Structures are given as structure tokens and as C-alpha cells.
Amino acid sequence: MIVVSGTMKINTSKRLNFIESAKHVAIETRKEPGCLKYVVGADLEDESLFYVFEEWEDHKALQAHFSTPHMTMYSQKIGDVIIREGTKFQIYNVESVQPMRR
């Protein structure tokens, strides 16, 4: 399994546009083969900060995701909304998953 975790900083004057675009791309992405989870969430204290969490079956599914029409449209729509300096994504290769016990 592949996990993608990231943060995105946005221009707050375009926050509603970003939320609309992110919601659309999340709905469409969850329909893709190999997508196990795709979540975009807002920070509770910083209105310019959003978190992304994704789970994919494998690298092939993740790479196919970047070529979908909804990702192309999303990238075009949010190009002037994202603040690059505050945006960071990391990919994790997960060998096993187990429930957390307290």
C-alpha cells in the first residue's frame, strides 16, 4: 500500500473556490481503481492550511491518478490558489497495517 500525506497552504481570498475544487476532485478520485482513501481537510486554527491523506493499492494506481481529467482540471483551477512555499507532500511505502490498540 502507498500512503500520501501532505499539507497545502492556500490564498485565503480564494478559499471557497479551493474548497469547491478540492471537494470535486476528492469525489472523483475515490471512484478511481486502486484508490483506498482520499481525504482533504481544513486546519481548525489556520484557514490557509489544508491536509491531504491518501491511500493507494500501489504506485501504478497513484501514477494513473495524476493523468485523470479531474486532476488536470483541478491543477488548472488551483494553480493561482496554492502557496508553493507552504505545500509539502510525502509518499510512504507501507508493508503492513494493523489496528492501533490503547
PDB file of N, CA and C in Angstrom:
ATOM      1  N   MET A   1       0.852  -1.180   0.000  1.00  0.00           N
ATOM      2  CA  MET A   1       0.000   0.000   0.000  1.00  0.00           C
ATOM      3  C   MET A   1       0.893   1.238   0.000  1.00  0.00           C
ATOM      4  N   ILE A   2       0.414   2.275  -0.656  1.00  0.00           N
ATOM      5  CA  ILE A   2       1.084   3.569  -0.714  1.00  0.00           C
ATOM      6  C   ILE A   2       0.232   4.573   0.054  1.00  0.00           C
ATOM      7  N   VAL A   3       0.873   5.349   0.911  1.00  0.00           N
ATOM      8  CA  VAL A   3       0.188   6.423   1.625  1.00  0.00           C
ATOM      9  C   VAL A   3       0.815   7.739   1.196  1.00  0.00           C
ATOM     10  N   VAL A   4      -0.031   8.700   0.878  1.00  0.00           N
ATOM     11  CA  VAL A   4       0.415  10.058   0.564  1.00  0.00           C
ATOM     12  C   VAL A   4      -0.148  10.956   1.649  1.00  0.00           C
ATOM     13  N   SER A   5       0.724  11.747   2.240  1.00  0.00           N
ATOM     14  CA  SER A   5       0.315  12.677   3.291  1.00  0.00           C
ATOM     15  C   SER A   5       0.900  14.038   2.940  1.00  0.00           C
ATOM     16  N   GLY A   6       0.080  15.063   3.062  1.00  0.00           N
ATOM     17  CA  GLY A   6       0.587  16.371   2.694  1.00  0.00           C
ATOM     18  C   GLY A   6      -0.158  17.524   3.322  1.00  0.00           C
ATOM     19  N   THR A   7       0.459  18.687   3.177  1.00  0.00           N
ATOM     20  CA  THR A   7      -0.161  19.938   3.602  1.00  0.00           C
ATOM     21  C   THR A   7      -0.148  20.893   2.424  1.00  0.00           C
ATOM     22  N   MET A   8      -1.207  21.689   2.340  1.00  0.00           N
ATOM     23  CA  MET A   8      -1.297  22.712   1.299  1.00  0.00           C
ATOM     24  C   MET A   8      -1.649  24.038   1.950  1.00  0.00           C
ATOM     25  N   LYS A   9      -0.904  25.068   1.596  1.00  0.00           N
ATOM     26  CA  LYS A   9      -1.227  26.432   2.014  1.00  0.00           C
ATOM     27  C   LYS A   9      -1.912  27.088   0.828  1.00  0.00           C
ATOM     28  N   ILE A  10      -2.973  27.828   1.128  1.00  0.00           N
ATOM     29  CA  ILE A  10      -3.713  28.469   0.041  1.00  0.00           C
ATOM     30  C   ILE A  10      -3.856  29.962   0.309  1.00  0.00           C
ATOM     31  N   ASN A  11      -4.149  30.673  -0.751  1.00  0.00           N
ATOM     32  CA  ASN A  11      -4.501  32.087  -0.674  1.00  0.00           C
ATOM     33  C   ASN A  11      -5.916  32.152  -0.107  1.00  0.00           C
ATOM     34  N   THR A  12      -6.072  32.706   1.090  1.00  0.00           N
ATOM     35  CA  THR A  12      -7.369  32.668   1.768  1.00  0.00           C
ATOM     36  C   THR A  12      -8.455  33.465   1.052  1.00  0.00           C
ATOM     37  N   SER A  13      -8.075  34.400   0.199  1.00  0.00           N
ATOM     38  CA  SER A  13      -9.095  35.146  -0.537  1.00  0.00           C
ATOM     39  C   SER A  13      -9.796  34.258  -1.569  1.00  0.00           C
ATOM     40  N   LYS A  14      -9.206  33.084  -1.858  1.00  0.00           N
ATOM     41  CA  LYS A  14      -9.803  32.144  -2.811  1.00  0.00           C
ATOM     42  C   LYS A  14     -10.158  30.827  -2.134  1.00  0.00           C
ATOM     43  N   ARG A  15     -10.358  30.861  -0.832  1.00  0.00           N
ATOM     44  CA  ARG A  15     -10.614  29.656  -0.033  1.00  0.00           C
ATOM     45  C   ARG A  15     -11.859  28.902  -0.498  1.00  0.00           C
ATOM     46  N   LEU A  16     -12.948  29.600  -0.736  1.00  0.00           N
ATOM     47  CA  LEU A  16     -14.180  28.912  -1.160  1.00  0.00           C
ATOM     48  C   LEU A  16     -14.011  28.242  -2.514  1.00  0.00           C
ATOM     49  N   ASN A  17     -13.288  28.877  -3.427  1.00  0.00           N
ATOM     50  CA  ASN A  17     -13.007  28.264  -4.733  1.00  0.00           C
ATOM     51  C   ASN A  17     -12.180  26.990  -4.553  1.00  0.00           C
ATOM     52  N   PHE A  18     -11.189  27.068  -3.656  1.00  0.00           N
ATOM     53  CA  PHE A  18     -10.359  25.898  -3.395  1.00  0.00           C
ATOM     54  C   PHE A  18     -11.197  24.755  -2.830  1.00  0.00           C
ATOM     55  N   ILE A  19     -12.031  25.054  -1.848  1.00  0.00           N
ATOM     56  CA  ILE A  19     -12.854  24.017  -1.217  1.00  0.00           C
ATOM     57  C   ILE A  19     -13.763  23.347  -2.252  1.00  0.00           C
ATOM     58  N   GLU A  20     -14.373  24.134  -3.113  1.00  0.00           N
ATOM     59  CA  GLU A  20     -15.241  23.578  -4.158  1.00  0.00           C
ATOM     60  C   GLU A  20     -14.453  22.648  -5.077  1.00  0.00           C
ATOM     61  N   SER A  21     -13.272  23.092  -5.513  1.00  0.00           N
ATOM     62  CA  SER A  21     -12.444  22.273  -6.399  1.00  0.00           C
ATOM     63  C   SER A  21     -11.939  21.019  -5.694  1.00  0.00           C
ATOM     64  N   ALA A  22     -11.512  21.157  -4.445  1.00  0.00           N
ATOM     65  CA  ALA A  22     -10.994  20.009  -3.684  1.00  0.00           C
ATOM     66  C   ALA A  22     -12.081  18.984  -3.434  1.00  0.00           C
ATOM     67  N   LYS A  23     -13.281  19.446  -3.157  1.00  0.00           N
ATOM     68  CA  LYS A  23     -14.406  18.532  -2.927  1.00  0.00           C
ATOM     69  C   LYS A  23     -14.691  17.724  -4.199  1.00  0.00           C
ATOM     70  N   HIS A  24     -14.723  18.405  -5.341  1.00  0.00           N
ATOM     71  CA  HIS A  24     -14.983  17.719  -6.612  1.00  0.00           C
ATOM     72  C   HIS A  24     -13.904  16.676  -6.903  1.00  0.00           C
ATOM     73  N   VAL A  25     -12.642  17.060  -6.748  1.00  0.00           N
ATOM     74  CA  VAL A  25     -11.566  16.123  -7.075  1.00  0.00           C
ATOM     75  C   VAL A  25     -11.557  14.949  -6.094  1.00  0.00           C
ATOM     76  N   ALA A  26     -11.909  15.170  -4.836  1.00  0.00           N
ATOM     77  CA  ALA A  26     -11.963  14.075  -3.868  1.00  0.00           C
ATOM     78  C   ALA A  26     -13.043  13.064  -4.251  1.00  0.00           C
ATOM     79  N   ILE A  27     -14.213  13.551  -4.607  1.00  0.00           N
ATOM     80  CA  ILE A  27     -15.314  12.663  -5.007  1.00  0.00           C
ATOM     81  C   ILE A  27     -14.922  11.827  -6.215  1.00  0.00           C
ATOM     82  N   GLU A  28     -14.318  12.472  -7.215  1.00  0.00           N
ATOM     83  CA  GLU A  28     -13.926  11.755  -8.432  1.00  0.00           C
ATOM     84  C   GLU A  28     -12.762  10.801  -8.174  1.00  0.00           C
ATOM     85  N   THR A  29     -11.821  11.209  -7.346  1.00  0.00           N
ATOM     86  CA  THR A  29     -10.653  10.371  -7.067  1.00  0.00           C
ATOM     87  C   THR A  29     -11.059   9.091  -6.356  1.00  0.00           C
ATOM     88  N   ARG A  30     -12.008   9.168  -5.443  1.00  0.00           N
ATOM     89  CA  ARG A  30     -12.453   7.974  -4.707  1.00  0.00           C
ATOM     90  C   ARG A  30     -13.065   6.914  -5.632  1.00  0.00           C
ATOM     91  N   LYS A  31     -13.445   7.303  -6.836  1.00  0.00           N
ATOM     92  CA  LYS A  31     -14.003   6.364  -7.816  1.00  0.00           C
ATOM     93  C   LYS A  31     -12.910   5.639  -8.609  1.00  0.00           C
ATOM     94  N   GLU A  32     -11.671   6.099  -8.496  1.00  0.00           N
ATOM     95  CA  GLU A  32     -10.583   5.540  -9.307  1.00  0.00           C
ATOM     96  C   GLU A  32     -10.180   4.140  -8.837  1.00  0.00           C
ATOM     97  N   PRO A  33      -9.819   3.272  -9.802  1.00  0.00           N
ATOM     98  CA  PRO A  33      -9.291   1.957  -9.415  1.00  0.00           C
ATOM     99  C   PRO A  33      -8.017   2.137  -8.586  1.00  0.00           C
ATOM    100  N   GLY A  34      -7.926   1.412  -7.508  1.00  0.00           N
ATOM    101  CA  GLY A  34      -6.719   1.460  -6.684  1.00  0.00           C
ATOM    102  C   GLY A  34      -6.732   2.508  -5.594  1.00  0.00           C
ATOM    103  N   CYS A  35      -7.736   3.383  -5.586  1.00  0.00           N
ATOM    104  CA  CYS A  35      -7.841   4.388  -4.527  1.00  0.00           C
ATOM    105  C   CYS A  35      -8.563   3.771  -3.337  1.00  0.00           C
ATOM    106  N   LEU A  36      -7.883   3.729  -2.211  1.00  0.00           N
ATOM    107  CA  LEU A  36      -8.472   3.178  -0.996  1.00  0.00           C
ATOM    108  C   LEU A  36      -9.045   4.276  -0.104  1.00  0.00           C
ATOM    109  N   LYS A  37      -8.406   5.449  -0.133  1.00  0.00           N
ATOM    110  CA  LYS A  37      -8.867   6.576   0.683  1.00  0.00           C
ATOM    111  C   LYS A  37      -8.299   7.860   0.092  1.00  0.00           C
ATOM    112  N   TYR A  38      -9.125   8.920   0.102  1.00  0.00           N
ATOM    113  CA  TYR A  38      -8.673  10.233  -0.365  1.00  0.00           C
ATOM    114  C   TYR A  38      -9.446  11.279   0.429  1.00  0.00           C
ATOM    115  N   VAL A  39      -8.740  11.999   1.285  1.00  0.00           N
ATOM    116  CA  VAL A  39      -9.380  12.952   2.183  1.00  0.00           C
ATOM    117  C   VAL A  39      -8.638  14.279   2.149  1.00  0.00           C
ATOM    118  N   VAL A  40      -9.384  15.364   2.046  1.00  0.00           N
ATOM    119  CA  VAL A  40      -8.836  16.715   2.179  1.00  0.00           C
ATOM    120  C   VAL A  40      -9.567  17.367   3.346  1.00  0.00           C
ATOM    121  N   GLY A  41      -8.814  17.903   4.300  1.00  0.00           N
ATOM    122  CA  GLY A  41      -9.429  18.517   5.464  1.00  0.00           C
ATOM    123  C   GLY A  41      -8.780  19.839   5.819  1.00  0.00           C
ATOM    124  N   ALA A  42      -9.577  20.732   6.385  1.00  0.00           N
ATOM    125  CA  ALA A  42      -9.100  22.060   6.769  1.00  0.00           C
ATOM    126  C   ALA A  42      -8.509  22.032   8.171  1.00  0.00           C
ATOM    127  N   ASP A  43      -7.475  22.819   8.387  1.00  0.00           N
ATOM    128  CA  ASP A  43      -6.919  23.014   9.715  1.00  0.00           C
ATOM    129  C   ASP A  43      -7.925  23.805  10.542  1.00  0.00           C
ATOM    130  N   LEU A  44      -8.046  23.492  11.811  1.00  0.00           N
ATOM    131  CA  LEU A  44      -9.033  24.155  12.665  1.00  0.00           C
ATOM    132  C   LEU A  44      -8.589  25.532  13.157  1.00  0.00           C
ATOM    133  N   GLU A  45      -7.299  25.838  13.039  1.00  0.00           N
ATOM    134  CA  GLU A  45      -6.791  27.110  13.535  1.00  0.00           C
ATOM    135  C   GLU A  45      -6.271  28.049  12.446  1.00  0.00           C
ATOM    136  N   ASP A  46      -5.816  27.489  11.341  1.00  0.00           N
ATOM    137  CA  ASP A  46      -5.211  28.281  10.265  1.00  0.00           C
ATOM    138  C   ASP A  46      -6.052  28.109   8.999  1.00  0.00           C
ATOM    139  N   GLU A  47      -6.806  29.131   8.628  1.00  0.00           N
ATOM    140  CA  GLU A  47      -7.723  28.990   7.474  1.00  0.00           C
ATOM    141  C   GLU A  47      -7.008  28.857   6.132  1.00  0.00           C
ATOM    142  N   SER A  48      -5.697  29.056   6.113  1.00  0.00           N
ATOM    143  CA  SER A  48      -4.956  28.887   4.873  1.00  0.00           C
ATOM    144  C   SER A  48      -4.336  27.495   4.738  1.00  0.00           C
ATOM    145  N   LEU A  49      -4.505  26.635   5.733  1.00  0.00           N
ATOM    146  CA  LEU A  49      -3.845  25.328   5.756  1.00  0.00           C
ATOM    147  C   LEU A  49      -4.845  24.190   5.586  1.00  0.00           C
ATOM    148  N   PHE A  50      -4.528  23.282   4.674  1.00  0.00           N
ATOM    149  CA  PHE A  50      -5.329  22.083   4.427  1.00  0.00           C
ATOM    150  C   PHE A  50      -4.420  20.862   4.471  1.00  0.00           C
ATOM    151  N   TYR A  51      -4.998  19.738   4.878  1.00  0.00           N
ATOM    152  CA  TYR A  51      -4.275  18.468   4.950  1.00  0.00           C
ATOM    153  C   TYR A  51      -4.854  17.506   3.924  1.00  0.00           C
ATOM    154  N   VAL A  52      -3.979  16.706   3.334  1.00  0.00           N
ATOM    155  CA  VAL A  52      -4.391  15.686   2.376  1.00  0.00           C
ATOM    156  C   VAL A  52      -3.876  14.345   2.876  1.00  0.00           C
ATOM    157  N   PHE A  53      -4.748  13.340   2.845  1.00  0.00           N
ATOM    158  CA  PHE A  53      -4.352  11.983   3.222  1.00  0.00           C
ATOM    159  C   PHE A  53      -4.917  11.033   2.182  1.00  0.00           C
ATOM    160  N   GLU A  54      -4.033  10.220   1.604  1.00  0.00           N
ATOM    161  CA  GLU A  54      -4.439   9.300   0.541  1.00  0.00           C
ATOM    162  C   GLU A  54      -3.879   7.916   0.821  1.00  0.00           C
ATOM    163  N   GLU A  55      -4.638   6.885   0.456  1.00  0.00           N
ATOM    164  CA  GLU A  55      -4.162   5.508   0.478  1.00  0.00           C
ATOM    165  C   GLU A  55      -4.417   4.909  -0.900  1.00  0.00           C
ATOM    166  N   TRP A  56      -3.396   4.281  -1.464  1.00  0.00           N
ATOM    167  CA  TRP A  56      -3.466   3.678  -2.787  1.00  0.00           C
ATOM    168  C   TRP A  56      -2.988   2.235  -2.721  1.00  0.00           C
ATOM    169  N   GLU A  57      -3.549   1.385  -3.578  1.00  0.00           N
ATOM    170  CA  GLU A  57      -3.126  -0.013  -3.616  1.00  0.00           C
ATOM    171  C   GLU A  57      -1.646  -0.135  -3.982  1.00  0.00           C
ATOM    172  N   ASP A  58      -1.204   0.686  -4.960  1.00  0.00           N
ATOM    173  CA  ASP A  58       0.189   0.591  -5.404  1.00  0.00           C
ATOM    174  C   ASP A  58       0.595   1.866  -6.156  1.00  0.00           C
ATOM    175  N   HIS A  59       1.869   1.922  -6.536  1.00  0.00           N
ATOM    176  CA  HIS A  59       2.392   3.098  -7.248  1.00  0.00           C
ATOM    177  C   HIS A  59       1.728   3.278  -8.609  1.00  0.00           C
ATOM    178  N   LYS A  60       1.388   2.183  -9.260  1.00  0.00           N
ATOM    179  CA  LYS A  60       0.735   2.260 -10.574  1.00  0.00           C
ATOM    180  C   LYS A  60      -0.590   3.011 -10.477  1.00  0.00           C
ATOM    181  N   ALA A  61      -1.387   2.717  -9.466  1.00  0.00           N
ATOM    182  CA  ALA A  61      -2.679   3.401  -9.280  1.00  0.00           C
ATOM    183  C   ALA A  61      -2.459   4.879  -8.981  1.00  0.00           C
ATOM    184  N   LEU A  62      -1.474   5.189  -8.163  1.00  0.00           N
ATOM    185  CA  LEU A  62      -1.183   6.589  -7.840  1.00  0.00           C
ATOM    186  C   LEU A  62      -0.742   7.351  -9.086  1.00  0.00           C
ATOM    187  N   GLN A  63       0.123   6.763  -9.885  1.00  0.00           N
ATOM    188  CA  GLN A  63       0.583   7.433 -11.106  1.00  0.00           C
ATOM    189  C   GLN A  63      -0.564   7.639 -12.089  1.00  0.00           C
ATOM    190  N   ALA A  64      -1.452   6.681 -12.212  1.00  0.00           N
ATOM    191  CA  ALA A  64      -2.611   6.820 -13.100  1.00  0.00           C
ATOM    192  C   ALA A  64      -3.498   7.976 -12.637  1.00  0.00           C
ATOM    193  N   HIS A  65      -3.582   8.163 -11.337  1.00  0.00           N
ATOM    194  CA  HIS A  65      -4.382   9.246 -10.761  1.00  0.00           C
ATOM    195  C   HIS A  65      -3.967  10.611 -11.303  1.00  0.00           C
ATOM    196  N   PHE A  66      -2.683  10.829 -11.470  1.00  0.00           N
ATOM    197  CA  PHE A  66      -2.187  12.133 -11.920  1.00  0.00           C
ATOM    198  C   PHE A  66      -2.568  12.449 -13.368  1.00  0.00           C
ATOM    199  N   SER A  67      -2.951  11.427 -14.129  1.00  0.00           N
ATOM    200  CA  SER A  67      -3.318  11.626 -15.535  1.00  0.00           C
ATOM    201  C   SER A  67      -4.815  11.714 -15.776  1.00  0.00           C
ATOM    202  N   THR A  68      -5.612  11.677 -14.736  1.00  0.00           N
ATOM    203  CA  THR A  68      -7.067  11.709 -14.904  1.00  0.00           C
ATOM    204  C   THR A  68      -7.538  13.114 -15.293  1.00  0.00           C
ATOM    205  N   PRO A  69      -8.646  13.200 -16.006  1.00  0.00           N
ATOM    206  CA  PRO A  69      -9.175  14.513 -16.385  1.00  0.00           C
ATOM    207  C   PRO A  69      -9.487  15.407 -15.182  1.00  0.00           C
ATOM    208  N   HIS A  70     -10.017  14.824 -14.104  1.00  0.00           N
ATOM    209  CA  HIS A  70     -10.347  15.668 -12.948  1.00  0.00           C
ATOM    210  C   HIS A  70      -9.096  16.223 -12.269  1.00  0.00           C
ATOM    211  N   MET A  71      -7.984  15.499 -12.306  1.00  0.00           N
ATOM    212  CA  MET A  71      -6.745  16.038 -11.727  1.00  0.00           C
ATOM    213  C   MET A  71      -6.162  17.136 -12.619  1.00  0.00           C
ATOM    214  N   THR A  72      -6.284  16.972 -13.923  1.00  0.00           N
ATOM    215  CA  THR A  72      -5.814  18.010 -14.844  1.00  0.00           C
ATOM    216  C   THR A  72      -6.605  19.292 -14.630  1.00  0.00           C
ATOM    217  N   MET A  73      -7.920  19.181 -14.545  1.00  0.00           N
ATOM    218  CA  MET A  73      -8.778  20.345 -14.329  1.00  0.00           C
ATOM    219  C   MET A  73      -8.500  20.969 -12.959  1.00  0.00           C
ATOM    220  N   TYR A  74      -8.329  20.144 -11.944  1.00  0.00           N
ATOM    221  CA  TYR A  74      -8.040  20.612 -10.590  1.00  0.00           C
ATOM    222  C   TYR A  74      -6.730  21.411 -10.561  1.00  0.00           C
ATOM    223  N   SER A  75      -5.714  20.885 -11.186  1.00  0.00           N
ATOM    224  CA  SER A  75      -4.417  21.574 -11.223  1.00  0.00           C
ATOM    225  C   SER A  75      -4.520  22.937 -11.890  1.00  0.00           C
ATOM    226  N   GLN A  76      -5.312  23.023 -12.940  1.00  0.00           N
ATOM    227  CA  GLN A  76      -5.506  24.300 -13.626  1.00  0.00           C
ATOM    228  C   GLN A  76      -6.284  25.290 -12.763  1.00  0.00           C
ATOM    229  N   LYS A  77      -7.310  24.797 -12.064  1.00  0.00           N
ATOM    230  CA  LYS A  77      -8.155  25.672 -11.257  1.00  0.00           C
ATOM    231  C   LYS A  77      -7.446  26.217 -10.019  1.00  0.00           C
ATOM    232  N   ILE A  78      -6.568  25.416  -9.422  1.00  0.00           N
ATOM    233  CA  ILE A  78      -5.963  25.852  -8.164  1.00  0.00           C
ATOM    234  C   ILE A  78      -4.546  26.400  -8.323  1.00  0.00           C
ATOM    235  N   GLY A  79      -4.085  26.521  -9.561  1.00  0.00           N
ATOM    236  CA  GLY A  79      -2.730  26.999  -9.807  1.00  0.00           C
ATOM    237  C   GLY A  79      -2.402  28.318  -9.139  1.00  0.00           C
ATOM    238  N   ASP A  80      -3.329  29.245  -9.127  1.00  0.00           N
ATOM    239  CA  ASP A  80      -3.083  30.548  -8.513  1.00  0.00           C
ATOM    240  C   ASP A  80      -3.604  30.637  -7.084  1.00  0.00           C
ATOM    241  N   VAL A  81      -4.089  29.518  -6.550  1.00  0.00           N
ATOM    242  CA  VAL A  81      -4.624  29.484  -5.183  1.00  0.00           C
ATOM    243  C   VAL A  81      -3.579  28.935  -4.205  1.00  0.00           C
ATOM    244  N   ILE A  82      -2.783  27.995  -4.659  1.00  0.00           N
ATOM    245  CA  ILE A  82      -1.791  27.327  -3.811  1.00  0.00           C
ATOM    246  C   ILE A  82      -0.579  28.219  -3.583  1.00  0.00           C
ATOM    247  N   ILE A  83      -0.116  28.244  -2.333  1.00  0.00           N
ATOM    248  CA  ILE A  83       1.127  28.924  -1.982  1.00  0.00           C
ATOM    249  C   ILE A  83       2.198  27.834  -1.895  1.00  0.00           C
ATOM    250  N   ARG A  84       3.078  27.800  -2.869  1.00  0.00           N
ATOM    251  CA  ARG A  84       4.059  26.704  -3.000  1.00  0.00           C
ATOM    252  C   ARG A  84       4.946  26.526  -1.767  1.00  0.00           C
ATOM    253  N   GLU A  85       5.363  27.618  -1.140  1.00  0.00           N
ATOM    254  CA  GLU A  85       6.276  27.526  -0.003  1.00  0.00           C
ATOM    255  C   GLU A  85       5.668  26.773   1.179  1.00  0.00           C
ATOM    256  N   GLY A  86       4.354  26.771   1.298  1.00  0.00           N
ATOM    257  CA  GLY A  86       3.708  26.101   2.421  1.00  0.00           C
ATOM    258  C   GLY A  86       3.126  24.755   2.076  1.00  0.00           C
ATOM    259  N   THR A  87       3.430  24.247   0.880  1.00  0.00           N
ATOM    260  CA  THR A  87       2.855  22.998   0.408  1.00  0.00           C
ATOM    261  C   THR A  87       3.921  21.911   0.382  1.00  0.00           C
ATOM    262  N   LYS A  88       3.593  20.771   0.984  1.00  0.00           N
ATOM    263  CA  LYS A  88       4.556  19.673   1.068  1.00  0.00           C
ATOM    264  C   LYS A  88       3.808  18.345   1.066  1.00  0.00           C
ATOM    265  N   PHE A  89       4.252  17.411   0.231  1.00  0.00           N
ATOM    266  CA  PHE A  89       3.677  16.069   0.169  1.00  0.00           C
ATOM    267  C   PHE A  89       4.776  15.035   0.330  1.00  0.00           C
ATOM    268  N   GLN A  90       4.434  13.926   0.988  1.00  0.00           N
ATOM    269  CA  GLN A  90       5.365  12.819   1.148  1.00  0.00           C
ATOM    270  C   GLN A  90       4.653  11.512   0.813  1.00  0.00           C
ATOM    271  N   ILE A  91       5.399  10.569   0.250  1.00  0.00           N
ATOM    272  CA  ILE A  91       4.874   9.249  -0.094  1.00  0.00           C
ATOM    273  C   ILE A  91       5.523   8.219   0.824  1.00  0.00           C
ATOM    274  N   TYR A  92       4.668   7.355   1.384  1.00  0.00           N
ATOM    275  CA  TYR A  92       5.140   6.287   2.268  1.00  0.00           C
ATOM    276  C   TYR A  92       4.799   4.944   1.639  1.00  0.00           C
ATOM    277  N   ASN A  93       5.754   4.031   1.632  1.00  0.00           N
ATOM    278  CA  ASN A  93       5.525   2.655   1.211  1.00  0.00           C
ATOM    279  C   ASN A  93       5.230   1.846   2.469  1.00  0.00           C
ATOM    280  N   VAL A  94       4.018   1.326   2.566  1.00  0.00           N
ATOM    281  CA  VAL A  94       3.572   0.644   3.777  1.00  0.00           C
ATOM    282  C   VAL A  94       3.620  -0.862   3.561  1.00  0.00           C
ATOM    283  N   GLU A  95       4.329  -1.549   4.439  1.00  0.00           N
ATOM    284  CA  GLU A  95       4.446  -3.002   4.328  1.00  0.00           C
ATOM    285  C   GLU A  95       3.335  -3.737   5.062  1.00  0.00           C
ATOM    286  N   SER A  96       2.869  -3.191   6.162  1.00  0.00           N
ATOM    287  CA  SER A  96       1.789  -3.842   6.889  1.00  0.00           C
ATOM    288  C   SER A  96       0.957  -2.786   7.622  1.00  0.00           C
ATOM    289  N   VAL A  97      -0.276  -3.157   7.910  1.00  0.00           N
ATOM    290  CA  VAL A  97      -1.194  -2.264   8.624  1.00  0.00           C
ATOM    291  C   VAL A  97      -1.890  -3.089   9.697  1.00  0.00           C
ATOM    292  N   GLN A  98      -1.981  -2.527  10.880  1.00  0.00           N
ATOM    293  CA  GLN A  98      -2.713  -3.186  11.961  1.00  0.00           C
ATOM    294  C   GLN A  98      -3.439  -2.156  12.783  1.00  0.00           C
ATOM    295  N   PRO A  99      -4.525  -2.540  13.443  1.00  0.00           N
ATOM    296  CA  PRO A  99      -5.266  -1.558  14.248  1.00  0.00           C
ATOM    297  C   PRO A  99      -4.416  -1.083  15.433  1.00  0.00           C
ATOM    298  N   MET A 100      -4.600   0.161  15.790  1.00  0.00           N
ATOM    299  CA  MET A 100      -3.907   0.714  16.945  1.00  0.00           C
ATOM    300  C   MET A 100      -4.646   0.294  18.206  1.00  0.00           C
ATOM    301  N   ARG A 101      -3.916  -0.179  19.167  1.00  0.00           N
ATOM    302  CA  ARG A 101      -4.522  -0.585  20.441  1.00  0.00           C
ATOM    303  C   ARG A 101      -4.017   0.356  21.517  1.00  0.00           C
ATOM    304  N   ARG A 102      -4.910   0.682  22.434  1.00  0.00           N
ATOM    305  CA  ARG A 102      -4.536   1.586  23.531  1.00  0.00           C
ATOM    306  C   ARG A 102      -4.242   0.839  24.784  1.00  0.00           C
TER     307      ARG A 102
END
